[in-house]
Amino acid sequence: MAGVVARDGQLVRHGDDLALILDAEVLEQLHIDPDTSLGIVVDGDSLIVTVKDTEHETKLHQIMEEMNKEYGEVFRRLAE
């Protein structure tokens, strides 16, 4: 992990929308290219942009399904 990088950003008009411009250093640090899937969360006054790791997400869902098959009844009882 490279640490915290603080930058000023700017928005540009893109059709009827606005687009956030990210400089090359930020794109390089996060390994973002035009094909990268991003997650966007709005939390109060903050806009949080994360790189979505679909491989990791798929593996996590597989593990959760396996755990549910094996321990689903235990989870249900604990929830009650």
Protein backbone atom coordinates (compact mmCIF):
# COMPACT_ATOMS: atom_id res chain seq x y z
CA MET A 1 0.00 0.00 0.00
CA ALA A 2 1.41 3.33 -1.02
CA GLY A 3 -0.25 5.46 1.66
CA VAL A 4 -2.48 8.48 1.44
CA VAL A 5 -2.35 10.73 -1.60
CA ALA A 6 -4.31 13.99 -1.38
CA ARG A 7 -5.22 15.78 -4.58
CA ASP A 8 -7.58 18.52 -5.64
CA GLY A 9 -10.04 17.28 -8.19
CA GLN A 10 -12.14 18.93 -10.80
CA LEU A 11 -15.30 18.11 -12.66
CA VAL A 12 -15.79 18.60 -16.39
CA ARG A 13 -18.99 18.58 -18.39
CA HIS A 14 -19.62 15.27 -20.19
CA GLY A 15 -22.87 15.54 -22.13
CA ASP A 16 -25.60 16.28 -19.57
CA ASP A 17 -23.43 14.84 -16.75
CA LEU A 18 -20.20 15.74 -14.98
CA ALA A 19 -17.04 13.62 -14.97
CA LEU A 20 -14.34 13.54 -12.29
CA ILE A 21 -10.82 14.02 -13.64
CA LEU A 22 -8.15 11.87 -11.94
CA ASP A 23 -4.50 12.62 -12.61
CA ALA A 24 -2.11 10.02 -14.01
CA GLU A 25 -0.36 9.44 -10.65
CA VAL A 26 -3.62 8.44 -8.95
CA LEU A 27 -4.64 6.22 -11.87
CA GLU A 28 -1.25 4.51 -11.81
CA GLN A 29 -1.22 4.01 -8.04
CA LEU A 30 -4.66 2.37 -8.10
CA HIS A 31 -4.04 0.47 -11.37
CA ILE A 32 -7.08 2.09 -12.96
CA ASP A 33 -7.59 2.03 -16.71
CA PRO A 34 -10.72 2.57 -18.84
CA ASP A 35 -11.77 -1.07 -18.30
CA THR A 36 -11.49 -0.99 -14.48
CA SER A 37 -14.74 -1.49 -12.59
CA LEU A 38 -15.24 1.07 -9.82
CA GLY A 39 -17.52 1.16 -6.80
CA ILE A 40 -18.96 4.54 -5.80
CA VAL A 41 -20.40 5.32 -2.37
CA VAL A 42 -21.82 8.62 -1.13
CA ASP A 43 -21.43 9.04 2.63
CA GLY A 44 -22.62 12.41 3.87
CA ASP A 45 -20.38 14.96 2.16
CA SER A 46 -17.88 12.33 0.98
CA LEU A 47 -17.64 10.55 -2.34
CA ILE A 48 -15.78 7.26 -1.97
CA VAL A 49 -14.46 5.60 -5.12
CA THR A 50 -12.98 2.10 -4.84
CA VAL A 51 -11.53 -0.30 -7.35
CA LYS A 52 -13.81 -3.33 -7.53
CA ASP A 53 -11.91 -6.60 -7.43
CA THR A 54 -14.39 -8.93 -9.11
CA GLU A 55 -12.11 -11.95 -8.66
CA HIS A 56 -11.95 -11.36 -4.90
CA GLU A 57 -15.68 -10.64 -4.75
CA THR A 58 -16.48 -13.90 -6.58
CA LYS A 59 -14.26 -15.91 -4.24
CA LEU A 60 -15.88 -14.28 -1.19
CA HIS A 61 -19.37 -15.18 -2.43
CA GLN A 62 -18.27 -18.79 -3.04
CA ILE A 63 -16.91 -19.04 0.51
CA MET A 64 -20.11 -17.52 1.93
CA GLU A 65 -22.22 -20.05 0.01
CA GLU A 66 -20.10 -22.95 1.26
CA MET A 67 -20.35 -21.69 4.85
CA ASN A 68 -24.11 -21.29 4.52
CA LYS A 69 -24.47 -24.87 3.22
CA GLU A 70 -22.39 -26.28 6.06
CA TYR A 71 -23.36 -23.96 8.93
CA GLY A 72 -26.62 -22.33 7.75
CA GLU A 73 -28.74 -23.91 10.48
CA VAL A 74 -26.25 -22.83 13.17
CA PHE A 75 -26.29 -19.27 11.79
CA ARG A 76 -30.11 -19.23 11.86
CA ARG A 77 -30.20 -20.41 15.49
CA LEU A 78 -27.57 -17.86 16.52
CA ALA A 79 -29.57 -15.10 14.82
CA GLU A 80 -32.63 -15.97 16.91
